[in-house]
C-alpha atoms as a PDB file:
ATOM      1  CA  MET A   1      12.202 -15.773  24.388  1.00  0.00           C
ATOM      2  CA  GLU A   2      12.418 -19.738  25.299  1.00  0.00           C
ATOM      3  CA  LYS A   3      10.522 -22.281  23.374  1.00  0.00           C
ATOM      4  CA  ILE A   4       7.333 -23.560  25.283  1.00  0.00           C
ATOM      5  CA  LYS A   5       7.910 -27.255  25.563  1.00  0.00           C
ATOM      6  CA  SER A   6       4.912 -28.239  27.296  1.00  0.00           C
ATOM      7  CA  PRO A   7       2.241 -29.957  25.053  1.00  0.00           C
ATOM      8  CA  ILE A   8      -0.582 -28.240  26.771  1.00  0.00           C
ATOM      9  CA  GLY A   9       1.008 -24.911  26.552  1.00  0.00           C
ATOM     10  CA  ARG A  10       1.670 -25.485  22.761  1.00  0.00           C
ATOM     11  CA  VAL A  11      -2.235 -26.488  21.988  1.00  0.00           C
ATOM     12  CA  PHE A  12      -3.474 -23.542  23.866  1.00  0.00           C
ATOM     13  CA  ILE A  13      -1.249 -21.345  22.315  1.00  0.00           C
ATOM     14  CA  HIS A  14      -2.331 -22.785  18.946  1.00  0.00           C
ATOM     15  CA  ILE A  15      -6.155 -22.696  19.761  1.00  0.00           C
ATOM     16  CA  THR A  16      -5.603 -19.089  20.871  1.00  0.00           C
ATOM     17  CA  LEU A  17      -3.882 -18.201  17.831  1.00  0.00           C
ATOM     18  CA  PHE A  18      -6.348 -20.280  15.285  1.00  0.00           C
ATOM     19  CA  LEU A  19      -9.564 -18.199  17.126  1.00  0.00           C
ATOM     20  CA  PHE A  20      -7.715 -14.776  16.445  1.00  0.00           C
ATOM     21  CA  ALA A  21      -7.426 -15.743  13.169  1.00  0.00           C
ATOM     22  CA  ILE A  22     -11.282 -16.483  12.549  1.00  0.00           C
ATOM     23  CA  TYR A  23     -11.780 -13.676  14.728  1.00  0.00           C
ATOM     24  CA  SER A  24      -9.896 -11.804  12.379  1.00  0.00           C
ATOM     25  CA  LEU A  25     -10.622 -13.442   8.796  1.00  0.00           C
ATOM     26  CA  VAL A  26     -15.113 -13.576   9.893  1.00  0.00           C
ATOM     27  CA  PRO A  27     -15.663  -9.693   8.939  1.00  0.00           C
ATOM     28  CA  PHE A  28     -14.040 -10.026   5.426  1.00  0.00           C
ATOM     29  CA  VAL A  29     -15.352 -13.229   4.849  1.00  0.00           C
ATOM     30  CA  TRP A  30     -19.036 -11.929   5.178  1.00  0.00           C
ATOM     31  CA  THR A  31     -18.248  -8.566   3.500  1.00  0.00           C
ATOM     32  CA  THR A  32     -17.106 -10.810   0.539  1.00  0.00           C
ATOM     33  CA  LEU A  33     -20.012 -13.321   0.688  1.00  0.00           C
ATOM     34  CA  GLN A  34     -22.596  -9.676   0.779  1.00  0.00           C
ATOM     35  CA  SER A  35     -20.669  -8.480  -2.444  1.00  0.00           C
ATOM     36  CA  PHE A  36     -22.075 -11.693  -4.428  1.00  0.00           C
ATOM     37  CA  LYS A  37     -25.420 -11.582  -3.145  1.00  0.00           C
ATOM     38  CA  SER A  38     -28.208 -10.154  -4.968  1.00  0.00           C
ATOM     39  CA  LEU A  39     -30.263  -7.219  -3.131  1.00  0.00           C
ATOM     40  CA  LYS A  40     -32.865  -9.530  -1.808  1.00  0.00           C
ATOM     41  CA  ASP A  41     -30.295 -11.938  -0.036  1.00  0.00           C
ATOM     42  CA  ALA A  42     -28.358  -9.020   1.496  1.00  0.00           C
ATOM     43  CA  ASN A  43     -31.208  -7.822   2.877  1.00  0.00           C
ATOM     44  CA  SER A  44     -33.031 -10.826   4.226  1.00  0.00           C
ATOM     45  CA  ARG A  45     -33.833 -10.554   8.227  1.00  0.00           C
ATOM     46  CA  THR A  46     -31.970 -14.333   8.454  1.00  0.00           C
ATOM     47  CA  PRO A  47     -28.202 -14.185   7.503  1.00  0.00           C
ATOM     48  CA  LYS A  48     -28.137 -16.489   3.926  1.00  0.00           C
ATOM     49  CA  PHE A  49     -24.714 -18.862   3.770  1.00  0.00           C
ATOM     50  CA  ILE A  50     -26.186 -20.512   0.908  1.00  0.00           C
ATOM     51  CA  PHE A  51     -27.154 -18.472  -2.260  1.00  0.00           C
ATOM     52  CA  THR A  52     -26.613 -17.913  -6.076  1.00  0.00           C
ATOM     53  CA  PRO A  53     -23.422 -15.564  -6.393  1.00  0.00           C
ATOM     54  CA  THR A  54     -23.993 -12.626  -8.808  1.00  0.00           C
ATOM     55  CA  TRP A  55     -21.414 -10.342 -10.473  1.00  0.00           C
ATOM     56  CA  GLU A  56     -24.012  -7.667 -11.011  1.00  0.00           C
ATOM     57  CA  ASN A  57     -22.782  -5.509  -8.034  1.00  0.00           C
ATOM     58  CA  TYR A  58     -18.758  -5.708  -9.169  1.00  0.00           C
ATOM     59  CA  THR A  59     -20.307  -5.278 -12.880  1.00  0.00           C
ATOM     60  CA  GLU A  60     -22.504  -1.941 -11.792  1.00  0.00           C
ATOM     61  CA  LEU A  61     -19.504  -0.727  -9.338  1.00  0.00           C
ATOM     62  CA  TRP A  62     -16.762  -0.783 -12.173  1.00  0.00           C
ATOM     63  CA  LEU A  63     -18.291  -0.327 -15.463  1.00  0.00           C
ATOM     64  CA  ARG A  64     -21.185   1.567 -16.742  1.00  0.00           C
ATOM     65  CA  SER A  65     -21.975  -0.846 -19.755  1.00  0.00           C
ATOM     66  CA  ILE A  66     -21.476  -4.163 -20.387  1.00  0.00           C
ATOM     67  CA  PRO A  67     -19.750  -4.441 -23.838  1.00  0.00           C
ATOM     68  CA  GLU A  68     -20.637  -7.367 -26.163  1.00  0.00           C
ATOM     69  CA  ASN A  69     -17.545  -9.367 -25.881  1.00  0.00           C
ATOM     70  CA  GLY A  70     -17.031  -8.856 -22.252  1.00  0.00           C
ATOM     71  CA  ALA A  71     -16.273 -12.056 -21.601  1.00  0.00           C
ATOM     72  CA  ALA A  72     -13.239 -11.825 -24.115  1.00  0.00           C
ATOM     73  CA  ILE A  73     -11.886  -8.743 -22.627  1.00  0.00           C
ATOM     74  CA  ALA A  74     -12.569 -10.185 -19.029  1.00  0.00           C
ATOM     75  CA  TYR A  75     -10.067 -13.148 -19.791  1.00  0.00           C
ATOM     76  CA  PHE A  76      -7.513 -10.944 -21.703  1.00  0.00           C
ATOM     77  CA  ILE A  77      -7.398  -8.521 -18.777  1.00  0.00           C
ATOM     78  CA  LEU A  78      -7.201 -11.587 -16.368  1.00  0.00           C
ATOM     79  CA  MET A  79      -4.461 -13.548 -18.682  1.00  0.00           C
ATOM     80  CA  THR A  80      -2.442 -10.132 -18.841  1.00  0.00           C
ATOM     81  CA  VAL A  81      -2.308  -9.663 -15.010  1.00  0.00           C
ATOM     82  CA  VAL A  82      -1.711 -13.314 -14.128  1.00  0.00           C
ATOM     83  CA  LEU A  83       1.350 -13.099 -16.692  1.00  0.00           C
ATOM     84  CA  LEU A  84       2.826  -9.511 -15.267  1.00  0.00           C
ATOM     85  CA  ILE A  85       2.574 -11.696 -11.895  1.00  0.00           C
ATOM     86  CA  CYS A  86       4.338 -14.809 -12.779  1.00  0.00           C
ATOM     87  CA  LEU A  87       7.449 -12.626 -14.165  1.00  0.00           C
ATOM     88  CA  LEU A  88       7.360 -10.975 -10.868  1.00  0.00           C
ATOM     89  CA  LEU A  89       7.319 -14.276  -9.191  1.00  0.00           C
ATOM     90  CA  PHE A  90      10.132 -15.678 -11.310  1.00  0.00           C
ATOM     91  CA  ALA A  91      12.191 -12.687 -11.895  1.00  0.00           C
ATOM     92  CA  LYS A  92      15.081 -14.563 -10.345  1.00  0.00           C
ATOM     93  CA  HIS A  93      14.756 -17.654 -12.665  1.00  0.00           C
ATOM     94  CA  ILE A  94      14.708 -15.524 -15.912  1.00  0.00           C
ATOM     95  CA  PRO A  95      18.211 -14.994 -17.660  1.00  0.00           C
ATOM     96  CA  VAL A  96      17.377 -11.357 -17.688  1.00  0.00           C
ATOM     97  CA  ARG A  97      18.775  -8.625 -15.486  1.00  0.00           C
ATOM     98  CA  ASP A  98      16.154  -8.299 -12.552  1.00  0.00           C
ATOM     99  CA  GLY A  99      15.679  -4.269 -13.475  1.00  0.00           C
ATOM    100  CA  ILE A 100      14.308  -4.600 -17.086  1.00  0.00           C
ATOM    101  CA  ILE A 101      11.960  -7.351 -15.935  1.00  0.00           C
ATOM    102  CA  TYR A 102      10.775  -5.257 -13.160  1.00  0.00           C
ATOM    103  CA  GLY A 103      10.567  -2.146 -15.549  1.00  0.00           C
ATOM    104  CA  PHE A 104       8.791  -4.109 -18.184  1.00  0.00           C
ATOM    105  CA  VAL A 105       6.339  -5.643 -15.587  1.00  0.00           C
ATOM    106  CA  GLY A 106       5.930  -1.900 -14.501  1.00  0.00           C
ATOM    107  CA  ILE A 107       5.208  -0.552 -18.071  1.00  0.00           C
ATOM    108  CA  GLY A 108       3.058  -3.400 -18.467  1.00  0.00           C
ATOM    109  CA  PHE A 109       0.658  -2.625 -15.690  1.00  0.00           C
ATOM    110  CA  ILE A 110       0.581   1.265 -16.883  1.00  0.00           C
ATOM    111  CA  ALA A 111      -0.228  -0.130 -20.173  1.00  0.00           C
ATOM    112  CA  LEU A 112      -2.687  -1.987 -19.077  1.00  0.00           C
ATOM    113  CA  LEU A 113      -4.487   0.577 -16.737  1.00  0.00           C
ATOM    114  CA  TRP A 114      -4.546   3.060 -19.485  1.00  0.00           C
ATOM    115  CA  GLY A 115      -5.906   0.366 -21.816  1.00  0.00           C
ATOM    116  CA  ILE A 116      -8.972  -0.737 -20.121  1.00  0.00           C
ATOM    117  CA  PRO A 117     -10.785   2.542 -20.433  1.00  0.00           C
ATOM    118  CA  GLN A 118     -10.391   2.169 -24.111  1.00  0.00           C
ATOM    119  CA  MET A 119     -11.752  -1.573 -24.003  1.00  0.00           C
ATOM    120  CA  VAL A 120     -14.787  -0.921 -21.586  1.00  0.00           C
ATOM    121  CA  ASP A 121     -16.988   1.896 -20.592  1.00  0.00           C
ATOM    122  CA  THR A 122     -15.422   2.288 -16.863  1.00  0.00           C
ATOM    123  CA  ALA A 123     -17.268   3.812 -14.155  1.00  0.00           C
ATOM    124  CA  LYS A 124     -16.228   6.620 -11.793  1.00  0.00           C
ATOM    125  CA  PHE A 125     -15.081   3.811  -9.162  1.00  0.00           C
ATOM    126  CA  TYR A 126     -12.364   3.154 -11.821  1.00  0.00           C
ATOM    127  CA  ASP A 127     -11.112   6.926 -11.600  1.00  0.00           C
ATOM    128  CA  TYR A 128     -11.191   6.573  -7.835  1.00  0.00           C
ATOM    129  CA  PHE A 129      -8.944   3.686  -8.050  1.00  0.00           C
ATOM    130  CA  ILE A 130      -6.294   5.327 -10.554  1.00  0.00           C
ATOM    131  CA  ASN A 131      -6.632   8.231  -8.325  1.00  0.00           C
ATOM    132  CA  THR A 132      -5.432   5.998  -5.320  1.00  0.00           C
ATOM    133  CA  LEU A 133      -2.645   4.466  -7.270  1.00  0.00           C
ATOM    134  CA  ILE A 134      -1.301   7.889  -8.223  1.00  0.00           C
ATOM    135  CA  VAL A 135      -1.220   9.070  -4.749  1.00  0.00           C
ATOM    136  CA  THR A 136      -0.191   5.886  -3.207  1.00  0.00           C
ATOM    137  CA  VAL A 137       2.972   5.340  -5.593  1.00  0.00           C
ATOM    138  CA  GLY A 138       3.741   9.080  -5.614  1.00  0.00           C
ATOM    139  CA  THR A 139       3.433   9.188  -1.620  1.00  0.00           C
ATOM    140  CA  VAL A 140       5.466   5.952  -0.989  1.00  0.00           C
ATOM    141  CA  THR A 141       8.422   7.097  -3.722  1.00  0.00           C
ATOM    142  CA  VAL A 142       8.791  10.323  -2.206  1.00  0.00           C
ATOM    143  CA  SER A 143       9.081   9.162   1.519  1.00  0.00           C
ATOM    144  CA  ILE A 144      11.262   6.595   0.712  1.00  0.00           C
ATOM    145  CA  THR A 145      13.369   8.849  -1.450  1.00  0.00           C
ATOM    146  CA  ILE A 146      13.611  11.228   1.390  1.00  0.00           C
ATOM    147  CA  GLY A 147      13.670   9.091   4.381  1.00  0.00           C
ATOM    148  CA  SER A 148      16.434   6.586   3.140  1.00  0.00           C
ATOM    149  CA  LEU A 149      18.860   9.828   2.654  1.00  0.00           C
ATOM    150  CA  ALA A 150      18.020  11.501   5.529  1.00  0.00           C
ATOM    151  CA  GLY A 151      17.681   7.996   7.814  1.00  0.00           C
ATOM    152  CA  TYR A 152      21.024   7.189   6.685  1.00  0.00           C
ATOM    153  CA  SER A 153      22.512  10.707   7.607  1.00  0.00           C
ATOM    154  CA  LEU A 154      21.073  10.439  10.720  1.00  0.00           C
ATOM    155  CA  ALA A 155      22.232   7.059  11.560  1.00  0.00           C
ATOM    156  CA  ARG A 156      25.901   8.266  10.722  1.00  0.00           C
ATOM    157  CA  TYR A 157      25.840  11.589  12.486  1.00  0.00           C
ATOM    158  CA  SER A 158      26.246  11.668  16.125  1.00  0.00           C
ATOM    159  CA  GLY A 159      25.878  15.430  16.710  1.00  0.00           C
ATOM    160  CA  LEU A 160      22.989  17.328  18.633  1.00  0.00           C
ATOM    161  CA  ALA A 161      21.659  18.443  15.434  1.00  0.00           C
ATOM    162  CA  GLY A 162      20.645  15.066  14.472  1.00  0.00           C
ATOM    163  CA  VAL A 163      19.105  14.855  17.886  1.00  0.00           C
ATOM    164  CA  VAL A 164      17.364  17.877  17.483  1.00  0.00           C
ATOM    165  CA  VAL A 165      16.153  16.641  13.667  1.00  0.00           C
ATOM    166  CA  LEU A 166      14.763  13.307  14.935  1.00  0.00           C
ATOM    167  CA  ILE A 167      13.132  14.965  18.240  1.00  0.00           C
ATOM    168  CA  ALA A 168      11.044  17.288  15.904  1.00  0.00           C
ATOM    169  CA  ALA A 169      10.229  14.623  13.599  1.00  0.00           C
ATOM    170  CA  LEU A 170       8.943  12.514  16.229  1.00  0.00           C
ATOM    171  CA  GLY A 171       6.770  16.152  17.600  1.00  0.00           C
ATOM    172  CA  PHE A 172       5.431  16.169  13.929  1.00  0.00           C
ATOM    173  CA  ARG A 173       4.560  12.362  13.982  1.00  0.00           C
ATOM    174  CA  ALA A 174       2.657  13.056  17.547  1.00  0.00           C
ATOM    175  CA  LEU A 175       0.552  16.050  15.762  1.00  0.00           C
ATOM    176  CA  PRO A 176      -3.422  14.959  14.791  1.00  0.00           C
ATOM    177  CA  ARG A 177      -3.917  14.633  11.335  1.00  0.00           C
ATOM    178  CA  LEU A 178      -6.575  18.049  11.337  1.00  0.00           C
ATOM    179  CA  SER A 179      -3.272  20.109  12.092  1.00  0.00           C
ATOM    180  CA  PHE A 180      -1.818  19.564   8.909  1.00  0.00           C
ATOM    181  CA  ILE A 181      -5.180  20.420   6.965  1.00  0.00           C
ATOM    182  CA  LEU A 182      -5.254  24.118   7.163  1.00  0.00           C
ATOM    183  CA  PRO A 183      -1.500  24.950   6.379  1.00  0.00           C
ATOM    184  CA  TYR A 184      -1.758  22.873   3.183  1.00  0.00           C
ATOM    185  CA  TYR A 185      -5.486  23.913   2.443  1.00  0.00           C
ATOM    186  CA  TRP A 186      -3.961  27.461   2.328  1.00  0.00           C
ATOM    187  CA  ILE A 187      -1.315  26.491   0.248  1.00  0.00           C
ATOM    188  CA  GLY A 188      -3.440  24.799  -2.516  1.00  0.00           C
ATOM    189  CA  SER A 189      -5.826  27.618  -2.279  1.00  0.00           C
ATOM    190  CA  VAL A 190      -2.682  29.921  -2.869  1.00  0.00           C
ATOM    191  CA  THR A 191      -1.145  28.031  -5.539  1.00  0.00           C
ATOM    192  CA  LYS A 192      -4.147  26.848  -7.328  1.00  0.00           C
ATOM    193  CA  LEU A 193      -3.178  22.832  -6.241  1.00  0.00           C
ATOM    194  CA  LEU A 194      -6.784  21.757  -4.647  1.00  0.00           C
ATOM    195  CA  ASP A 195      -8.230  18.937  -5.681  1.00  0.00           C
ATOM    196  CA  THR A 196      -4.796  17.661  -7.240  1.00  0.00           C
ATOM    197  CA  HIS A 197      -2.612  14.525  -6.819  1.00  0.00           C
ATOM    198  CA  ILE A 198       0.293  16.712  -5.966  1.00  0.00           C
ATOM    199  CA  LEU A 199      -1.371  18.498  -2.943  1.00  0.00           C
ATOM    200  CA  VAL A 200      -2.514  14.937  -1.485  1.00  0.00           C
ATOM    201  CA  ILE A 201       0.768  13.371  -2.267  1.00  0.00           C
ATOM    202  CA  LEU A 202       2.769  16.923  -0.671  1.00  0.00           C
ATOM    203  CA  THR A 203       0.367  16.364   2.634  1.00  0.00           C
ATOM    204  CA  LEU A 204       0.807  12.485   2.993  1.00  0.00           C
ATOM    205  CA  VAL A 205       4.573  12.926   2.574  1.00  0.00           C
ATOM    206  CA  ALA A 206       4.571  15.438   5.439  1.00  0.00           C
ATOM    207  CA  VAL A 207       2.196  13.448   7.696  1.00  0.00           C
ATOM    208  CA  ASN A 208       4.480   9.928   6.746  1.00  0.00           C
ATOM    209  CA  GLN A 209       7.837  11.251   6.960  1.00  0.00           C
ATOM    210  CA  PRO A 210       8.612  11.287  10.541  1.00  0.00           C
ATOM    211  CA  PHE A 211       7.622   7.643  10.601  1.00  0.00           C
ATOM    212  CA  THR A 212       9.601   6.686   7.506  1.00  0.00           C
ATOM    213  CA  ILE A 213      12.839   8.477   8.974  1.00  0.00           C
ATOM    214  CA  TRP A 214      12.835   7.061  12.146  1.00  0.00           C
ATOM    215  CA  MET A 215      12.272   3.160  10.994  1.00  0.00           C
ATOM    216  CA  LEU A 216      14.536   3.664   8.496  1.00  0.00           C
ATOM    217  CA  ARG A 217      17.438   5.174  10.555  1.00  0.00           C
ATOM    218  CA  SER A 218      16.706   2.225  13.371  1.00  0.00           C
ATOM    219  CA  PHE A 219      17.926  -0.303  10.347  1.00  0.00           C
ATOM    220  CA  PHE A 220      20.848   1.999   9.313  1.00  0.00           C
ATOM    221  CA  MET A 221      22.190   1.758  12.926  1.00  0.00           C
ATOM    222  CA  GLU A 222      22.318  -2.111  12.472  1.00  0.00           C
ATOM    223  CA  ILE A 223      24.896  -1.747   9.232  1.00  0.00           C
ATOM    224  CA  PRO A 224      28.272  -1.463  10.309  1.00  0.00           C
ATOM    225  CA  ARG A 225      30.316   1.364   8.894  1.00  0.00           C
ATOM    226  CA  ASP A 226      33.281  -0.867   7.798  1.00  0.00           C
ATOM    227  CA  LEU A 227      31.298  -1.712   4.643  1.00  0.00           C
ATOM    228  CA  GLU A 228      30.958   1.442   3.268  1.00  0.00           C
ATOM    229  CA  GLU A 229      34.681   2.568   4.326  1.00  0.00           C
ATOM    230  CA  ALA A 230      35.909  -0.139   2.480  1.00  0.00           C
ATOM    231  CA  ALA A 231      33.919   0.952  -0.579  1.00  0.00           C
ATOM    232  CA  MET A 232      35.453   3.982  -0.260  1.00  0.00           C
ATOM    233  CA  ILE A 233      38.857   2.620   0.114  1.00  0.00           C
ATOM    234  CA  ASP A 234      38.416   1.107  -3.107  1.00  0.00           C
ATOM    235  CA  GLY A 235      37.519   4.433  -4.810  1.00  0.00           C
ATOM    236  CA  ALA A 236      33.865   4.678  -4.235  1.00  0.00           C
ATOM    237  CA  GLY A 237      32.262   8.260  -3.119  1.00  0.00           C
ATOM    238  CA  PRO A 238      30.004   8.664  -0.648  1.00  0.00           C
ATOM    239  CA  PHE A 239      26.797   8.589  -2.654  1.00  0.00           C
ATOM    240  CA  THR A 240      28.144   5.363  -4.749  1.00  0.00           C
ATOM    241  CA  ALA A 241      29.266   3.401  -1.578  1.00  0.00           C
ATOM    242  CA  PHE A 242      25.582   4.414  -0.236  1.00  0.00           C
ATOM    243  CA  ARG A 243      23.994   3.057  -3.534  1.00  0.00           C
ATOM    244  CA  LYS A 244      25.635   0.149  -4.649  1.00  0.00           C
ATOM    245  CA  VAL A 245      26.752  -1.172  -0.812  1.00  0.00           C
ATOM    246  CA  ILE A 246      24.386  -0.059   1.801  1.00  0.00           C
ATOM    247  CA  VAL A 247      20.804   0.073  -0.304  1.00  0.00           C
ATOM    248  CA  PRO A 248      21.130  -3.752  -1.341  1.00  0.00           C
ATOM    249  CA  ILE A 249      21.708  -5.008   2.475  1.00  0.00           C
ATOM    250  CA  MET A 250      18.922  -2.557   3.469  1.00  0.00           C
ATOM    251  CA  TRP A 251      16.148  -3.343   0.801  1.00  0.00           C
ATOM    252  CA  PRO A 252      14.239  -5.780   3.091  1.00  0.00           C
ATOM    253  CA  GLY A 253      14.410  -3.043   5.573  1.00  0.00           C
ATOM    254  CA  ILE A 254      13.308  -0.289   2.793  1.00  0.00           C
ATOM    255  CA  ILE A 255      10.706  -2.919   1.602  1.00  0.00           C
ATOM    256  CA  SER A 256       8.924  -3.067   5.011  1.00  0.00           C
ATOM    257  CA  THR A 257       9.298   0.791   5.474  1.00  0.00           C
ATOM    258  CA  ALA A 258       7.822   1.451   2.055  1.00  0.00           C
ATOM    259  CA  LEU A 259       5.056  -1.311   3.035  1.00  0.00           C
ATOM    260  CA  PHE A 260       4.001   0.628   6.147  1.00  0.00           C
ATOM    261  CA  ALA A 261       3.950   3.861   4.164  1.00  0.00           C
ATOM    262  CA  LEU A 262       1.870   2.803   1.417  1.00  0.00           C
ATOM    263  CA  LEU A 263      -0.506   1.570   3.698  1.00  0.00           C
ATOM    264  CA  LEU A 264      -0.804   4.889   5.353  1.00  0.00           C
ATOM    265  CA  ALA A 265      -1.706   6.322   2.295  1.00  0.00           C
ATOM    266  CA  TYR A 266      -3.604   3.876   0.728  1.00  0.00           C
ATOM    267  CA  ASN A 267      -6.172   4.118   3.490  1.00  0.00           C
ATOM    268  CA  GLU A 268      -6.201   7.888   4.302  1.00  0.00           C
ATOM    269  CA  PHE A 269      -9.344   9.153   4.338  1.00  0.00           C
ATOM    270  CA  LEU A 270      -9.704  12.487   6.268  1.00  0.00           C
ATOM    271  CA  LEU A 271      -7.037  14.255   4.624  1.00  0.00           C
ATOM    272  CA  VAL A 272      -7.981  13.327   1.248  1.00  0.00           C
ATOM    273  CA  ARG A 273     -11.715  13.927   1.757  1.00  0.00           C
ATOM    274  CA  LEU A 274     -10.991  17.630   2.925  1.00  0.00           C
ATOM    275  CA  LEU A 275      -8.774  18.486   0.416  1.00  0.00           C
ATOM    276  CA  THR A 276     -10.136  17.200  -2.804  1.00  0.00           C
ATOM    277  CA  GLN A 277     -13.879  17.510  -4.396  1.00  0.00           C
ATOM    278  CA  THR A 278     -13.651  14.951  -7.194  1.00  0.00           C
ATOM    279  CA  ASN A 279     -10.227  13.394  -7.254  1.00  0.00           C
ATOM    280  CA  TRP A 280     -11.271  11.044  -4.485  1.00  0.00           C
ATOM    281  CA  THR A 281      -9.142   7.633  -3.345  1.00  0.00           C
ATOM    282  CA  LEU A 282     -10.854   4.684  -2.752  1.00  0.00           C
ATOM    283  CA  PRO A 283     -11.587   4.958   0.967  1.00  0.00           C
ATOM    284  CA  VAL A 284     -13.396   8.421   0.320  1.00  0.00           C
ATOM    285  CA  ALA A 285     -15.327   6.652  -2.615  1.00  0.00           C
ATOM    286  CA  ILE A 286     -16.198   3.681  -0.241  1.00  0.00           C
ATOM    287  CA  SER A 287     -17.727   5.982   2.142  1.00  0.00           C
ATOM    288  CA  ARG A 288     -20.295   6.901  -0.539  1.00  0.00           C
ATOM    289  CA  PHE A 289     -22.073   3.690  -0.488  1.00  0.00           C
ATOM    290  CA  THR A 290     -21.975   3.373   3.583  1.00  0.00           C
ATOM    291  CA  GLY A 291     -23.930   6.723   4.652  1.00  0.00           C
ATOM    292  CA  GLY A 292     -26.776   6.570   2.422  1.00  0.00           C
ATOM    293  CA  GLU A 293     -30.301   5.301   3.217  1.00  0.00           C
ATOM    294  CA  ASP A 294     -30.676   3.382  -0.560  1.00  0.00           C
ATOM    295  CA  PRO A 295     -30.652  -0.395   0.653  1.00  0.00           C
ATOM    296  CA  ARG A 296     -28.334  -1.040  -2.868  1.00  0.00           C
ATOM    297  CA  HIS A 297     -25.800   0.621  -1.139  1.00  0.00           C
ATOM    298  CA  LEU A 298     -25.042  -2.478   1.054  1.00  0.00           C
ATOM    299  CA  THR A 299     -24.171  -4.807  -2.169  1.00  0.00           C
ATOM    300  CA  LEU A 300     -22.012  -1.695  -3.621  1.00  0.00           C
ATOM    301  CA  ALA A 301     -20.216  -0.813  -0.245  1.00  0.00           C
ATOM    302  CA  ALA A 302     -19.002  -4.784   0.175  1.00  0.00           C
ATOM    303  CA  ALA A 303     -17.958  -4.881  -3.521  1.00  0.00           C
ATOM    304  CA  SER A 304     -16.257  -1.866  -3.147  1.00  0.00           C
ATOM    305  CA  ALA A 305     -14.604  -2.702   0.322  1.00  0.00           C
ATOM    306  CA  VAL A 306     -13.485  -6.178  -1.548  1.00  0.00           C
ATOM    307  CA  SER A 307     -11.849  -4.382  -4.623  1.00  0.00           C
ATOM    308  CA  ALA A 308     -10.174  -1.925  -2.263  1.00  0.00           C
ATOM    309  CA  THR A 309      -8.651  -4.826  -0.466  1.00  0.00           C
ATOM    310  CA  ILE A 310      -7.530  -7.427  -2.823  1.00  0.00           C
ATOM    311  CA  PRO A 311      -4.226  -5.118  -4.269  1.00  0.00           C
ATOM    312  CA  ILE A 312      -3.186  -4.600  -0.877  1.00  0.00           C
ATOM    313  CA  VAL A 313      -3.448  -8.230  -0.136  1.00  0.00           C
ATOM    314  CA  LEU A 314      -1.839  -9.229  -3.096  1.00  0.00           C
ATOM    315  CA  VAL A 315       1.019  -6.335  -2.520  1.00  0.00           C
ATOM    316  CA  ILE A 316       1.467  -7.927   0.988  1.00  0.00           C
ATOM    317  CA  LEU A 317       1.721 -11.543  -0.579  1.00  0.00           C
ATOM    318  CA  PHE A 318       4.142 -10.466  -2.700  1.00  0.00           C
ATOM    319  CA  PHE A 319       6.671  -9.039  -0.430  1.00  0.00           C
ATOM    320  CA  GLN A 320       6.026 -10.960   2.275  1.00  0.00           C
ATOM    321  CA  LYS A 321       9.004 -12.873   2.788  1.00  0.00           C
ATOM    322  CA  ASN A 322      10.981  -9.267   2.538  1.00  0.00           C
ATOM    323  CA  LEU A 323       8.532  -8.195   5.313  1.00  0.00           C
ATOM    324  CA  VAL A 324       9.124 -10.415   7.548  1.00  0.00           C
ATOM    325  CA  LYS A 325      12.898 -10.293   6.736  1.00  0.00           C
ATOM    326  CA  GLY A 326      13.032  -6.640   7.534  1.00  0.00           C
ATOM    327  CA  LEU A 327      10.842  -6.601  10.568  1.00  0.00           C
ATOM    328  CA  ALA A 328      12.661  -9.572  12.220  1.00  0.00           C
ATOM    329  CA  ALA A 329      16.346  -8.728  11.380  1.00  0.00           C
ATOM    330  CA  GLY A 330      16.542  -5.278   9.775  1.00  0.00           C
ATOM    331  CA  ALA A 331      19.782  -5.836   8.145  1.00  0.00           C
ATOM    332  CA  VAL A 332      23.385  -7.259   8.952  1.00  0.00           C
ATOM    333  CA  LYS A 333      24.578  -6.742  12.171  1.00  0.00           C
ATOM    334  CA  GLY A 334      28.262  -6.022  12.610  1.00  0.00           C
END
């Protein structure tokens, strides 16, 4: 694509992008404002943009009761989260192996999530948030592990069987969501896995796996065979060459695919709603506040929507460079 040199054309493009950005942001901004309004302000006939903000909606959503030392606990949790995020952002500048830092941060977040219910009396929404994390992390981990191995194999194998597998994966991807419900519901009934994280993860992996395989295969196709062949000449086995040579080069592509798989699993509503009765995730939990006639649900729905969006925004911002790099280039071309 040639660069537009006309000043009028560039101004038109910038104005169009600015208007599109406003169009995309206005619903989220309005929902955020609604989440900080009192019930009277939120249900006002005239939309209010100037009001006294309140934390009552978030407090009611996340807590059953407010402890006496609630402010101190909130500051402690906030400072812990900020510290862990800073460790992630500046991991390359710390004279310690990145793997150790990432492992420490992961353990820190797990300990924090486990410790919050020990410090405060959390509401049911917190349990839904934990369910969402378990299902999302499990789905992404399994999908990327299988997808990386399958995508690499299909990128290097050019036989008829590889074409059949790719076409079959594409066919499964084209199936509607409801086609997966009955078989997995039957499997859950037979194995007593209904309303469990395992069944939801297996179902979401089955739904998202064709996408991860096709996307990762396209990234692996851009990596020249000479790299792994050189590693094998130096004594590395096929799996060692894949793990130590190919994966580091493929890292932007793996992160890009993982983010898409994360979004698909994090936002899934239909499969989770039909396969679970109590272990709901956030999209299903939010639906509790959007279909009722209670006017109180208006502000709670806004607070729950903002709460569910913030983790995704943070993840996208943190992996933004890798996402852009993976989508733009994929990997090193030979």
